[in-house]
């Protein structure tokens, strides 16, 4: 499985973990010393934040997807031995895509490395489903990728790091979540191998996601809903009020549609939403049924007319 994941991401090597939370927890402490600096997007996933807390490097947060602020932090940290820019490829609550071309440009200008977390991109973003770095044409400019087997690649469990072989060798020797956790169960490994082999064999599954995603987004906006993000399969239906998001999600379940309402502290106050995630397994009929249920519940609660 590690060999296939390295091949899939077009990297030298791969190391498996029990989850991507573990992969994020096990990377930064090994890679970074007190002489180094880590520059992290302020809206990075909690597992990235917790992983960075474990290392002793200087920590700088830059404003969400703000390249000017990132550059100022790079200038501020020029005395550091090594600098690592850390970002989600796709941010899970809004489905927005990191500006990786600009990030890589700045990294090269200031001699920094780039790390991306691809949990919400692996398997379906990009022409072949390789992720955000493929989508934006920077696969050869991103140094380290962490991702998960728990979403598009089988949905059970597991995470991994892909990158240069010397780094992966170092992680095998020193990464604590890897050293002191059980290996993945064989059925999980088997299902993930099958998923990766399907993606390596054909681009059809990854390419099917665009039409399905835009079908949902277009139908929802046409009837008056506000959908955050652009074209990502994470489709946040913005509602604002926390109780409204919770009650509408409950009503959707009564209609046979399972969705989750998110509110503070998972998202900022006043930005409660129901997050819908489109899958390659969804049919057009599934998507239309979901939209119809949203229309029914939205009218019931006065969200749309």
Foldseek 3Di string as FASTA:
>chain_A
DFVLLCVLLVFDTKDKFFALLLVLLQAQQLPDACLEEEEEEPQADPSNVNSNVNHNYHYHYFYHLDLVRVLVVLVVSLRGPAYEYEEEQARQQQRAGRPVVSVLVSCVVSVYAYEYEFAQQAQAAAQLRSGSCNNNVNSVRHAKYKYWCLPQQQNDTMIMMGGHPVSVVSSCVGGVSRVPDDDDDPVSVVSSVVSSVVSVVDSVLNVLQQVLQVLLVVLQVVQPWDWGYDRGQWTWGWDQDQVLQQVLQVQLVVLVDHWDWDAPPVPDHRGITIIGGDHSPDDPVNSVSSSVSCVVSCVVVVVGD
